Protein backbone atom coordinates (compact mmCIF):
# COMPACT_ATOMS: atom_id res chain seq x y z
CA MET A 1 0.00 0.00 0.00
CA THR A 2 1.34 3.44 -0.89
CA ASN A 3 0.65 6.70 0.86
CA LEU A 4 -1.35 9.00 -1.36
CA LYS A 5 -0.55 12.68 -1.01
CA LEU A 6 -2.85 15.33 -2.41
CA ALA A 7 -2.31 19.06 -2.36
CA ASN A 8 -4.56 20.84 0.14
CA LEU A 9 -5.81 17.60 1.70
CA PHE A 10 -5.19 17.28 5.40
CA PHE A 11 -6.90 15.96 8.50
CA ILE A 12 -7.66 17.60 11.83
CA LYS A 13 -8.57 15.34 14.72
CA GLY A 14 -11.32 16.61 16.98
CA ASP A 15 -14.30 15.82 19.18
CA ILE A 16 -17.74 16.61 17.75
CA LEU A 17 -18.74 18.04 21.12
CA SER A 18 -15.85 20.52 21.05
CA LEU A 19 -14.59 20.96 17.50
CA PRO A 20 -11.24 22.69 16.94
CA PHE A 21 -12.68 25.41 14.69
CA LYS A 22 -13.62 29.04 15.28
CA ASP A 23 -17.25 30.16 15.33
CA SER A 24 -18.76 30.54 11.84
CA SER A 25 -15.55 29.38 10.17
CA LEU A 26 -16.50 26.51 7.81
CA LYS A 27 -18.38 27.05 4.55
CA SER A 28 -19.42 23.42 4.09
CA ILE A 29 -19.89 20.60 6.60
CA SER A 30 -21.07 17.03 6.10
CA SER A 31 -22.20 14.81 8.96
CA ILE A 32 -23.21 11.44 7.61
CA CYS A 33 -24.45 8.83 10.09
CA VAL A 34 -22.65 10.38 13.10
CA ILE A 35 -24.95 12.51 15.25
CA GLU A 36 -27.25 9.66 16.25
CA HIS A 37 -24.39 7.83 18.01
CA ILE A 38 -23.12 10.68 20.22
CA GLY A 39 -23.59 10.20 23.95
CA LEU A 40 -24.51 6.52 23.88
CA GLY A 41 -21.08 5.29 25.01
CA ARG A 42 -20.81 2.74 22.22
CA TYR A 43 -17.59 4.16 20.81
CA GLY A 44 -15.89 5.10 24.07
CA ASP A 45 -17.63 8.43 24.47
CA LYS A 46 -19.27 9.43 27.73
CA ILE A 47 -22.94 8.62 28.30
CA ASP A 48 -24.90 11.82 27.70
CA PRO A 49 -28.66 11.80 27.06
CA PHE A 50 -28.24 15.06 25.12
CA GLY A 51 -25.13 14.07 23.15
CA SER A 52 -26.85 14.36 19.77
CA GLU A 53 -28.31 17.75 20.62
CA LYS A 54 -24.90 19.03 21.75
CA ALA A 55 -23.24 17.73 18.57
CA ILE A 56 -25.81 19.55 16.43
CA ALA A 57 -25.25 22.79 18.36
CA GLU A 58 -21.51 22.45 17.74
CA LEU A 59 -22.01 21.97 13.99
CA ILE A 60 -24.24 25.05 13.86
CA ARG A 61 -21.62 27.02 15.84
CA ILE A 62 -18.81 26.38 13.35
CA LEU A 63 -20.91 26.75 10.17
CA ALA A 64 -20.19 30.04 8.39
CA THR A 65 -22.92 32.49 7.44
CA GLY A 66 -24.09 31.38 4.01
CA GLY A 67 -22.55 27.96 4.65
CA SER A 68 -24.06 24.58 3.81
CA LEU A 69 -24.61 21.68 6.19
CA TYR A 70 -25.39 18.20 4.84
CA VAL A 71 -26.71 15.74 7.41
CA SER A 72 -28.10 12.22 7.49
CA LEU A 73 -29.99 10.97 10.54
CA PRO A 74 -32.25 8.03 11.34
CA VAL A 75 -35.93 9.00 11.39
CA ASP A 76 -38.82 7.19 13.01
CA LYS A 77 -42.41 7.73 14.14
CA GLU A 78 -41.12 8.94 17.53
CA ASN A 79 -37.81 10.00 19.09
CA THR A 80 -36.22 6.81 20.38
CA VAL A 81 -32.97 5.06 21.26
CA TYR A 82 -32.19 1.70 19.71
CA PHE A 83 -30.24 -0.03 22.49
CA ASN A 84 -26.51 -0.32 21.83
CA ALA A 85 -26.93 1.17 18.38
CA HIS A 86 -28.20 4.72 17.76
CA ARG A 87 -30.98 7.21 18.19
CA ALA A 88 -33.77 8.02 15.74
CA PHE A 89 -35.69 11.28 15.50
CA THR A 90 -38.95 12.68 14.17
CA ARG A 91 -38.79 15.27 11.41
CA ASN A 92 -40.25 17.96 13.68
CA TYR A 93 -37.58 17.36 16.33
CA ILE A 94 -34.81 17.46 13.71
CA LEU A 95 -36.04 20.81 12.38
CA LYS A 96 -36.25 22.16 15.93
CA LEU A 97 -32.67 21.08 16.68
CA PHE A 98 -31.27 22.69 13.54
CA GLN A 99 -32.86 26.10 14.12
CA PRO A 100 -31.91 28.76 13.11
CA LEU A 101 -30.66 27.08 9.92
CA LYS A 102 -32.86 27.14 6.84
CA LEU A 103 -33.93 23.77 5.45
CA MET A 104 -33.13 23.80 1.73
CA GLU A 105 -33.88 20.20 0.79
CA GLU A 106 -34.86 16.91 2.39
CA LYS A 107 -35.18 13.31 1.21
CA TYR A 108 -36.07 10.13 3.06
CA ILE A 109 -35.00 6.54 2.52
CA TYR A 110 -37.46 3.88 3.67
CA LYS A 111 -36.30 0.34 2.92
CA SER A 112 -35.28 0.60 -0.74
CA GLY A 113 -37.35 3.65 -1.69
CA LEU A 114 -36.37 7.32 -1.80
CA LEU A 115 -39.13 9.81 -0.97
CA ASP A 116 -39.30 13.61 -1.10
CA PHE A 117 -41.31 13.70 2.13
CA TYR A 118 -41.28 12.35 5.67
CA ASP A 119 -43.84 9.56 6.13
CA GLN A 120 -44.29 8.85 9.83
CA SER A 121 -46.39 5.77 9.06
CA LYS A 122 -43.41 4.05 7.41
CA GLY A 123 -41.51 3.97 10.72
CA PHE A 124 -37.73 3.70 10.67
CA GLY A 125 -35.78 5.25 7.81
CA THR A 126 -32.97 7.66 7.02
CA GLY A 127 -33.45 11.39 6.60
CA LEU A 128 -31.12 13.35 4.31
CA PHE A 129 -31.06 17.09 4.98
CA TYR A 130 -29.44 20.12 3.39
CA PHE A 131 -29.41 23.25 5.57
CA LYS A 132 -27.99 26.75 5.02
CA LYS A 133 -27.01 29.32 7.62
CA SER A 134 -28.38 32.83 7.06
């Protein structure tokens, strides 16, 4: 295996609850299948019933004005914790947590189908969200 080196590609190690970036400093952030795990202790992090909420607040803090945030989260008919796995959220709770960001686009994956709308009756799925910071 060879080490690939690319110009302007580098890594910064951090903790999603205390990211090493200044307020409003990043123009684009992606959080794919992360937030729902924070605070459950599964990956060596501390147990925190509000870990996901704190992680979201931290992402909002570092997102620049005019910046884009791309997020995927499990959705379900109610806010719940799947033991030793992850959390799932309702659409309304997700939108509340990401205030004051503006929702630009949303899609939902239920089993093998992609929908343009949240369907609470379908139960567990994955929500894909694109937010912008005004």
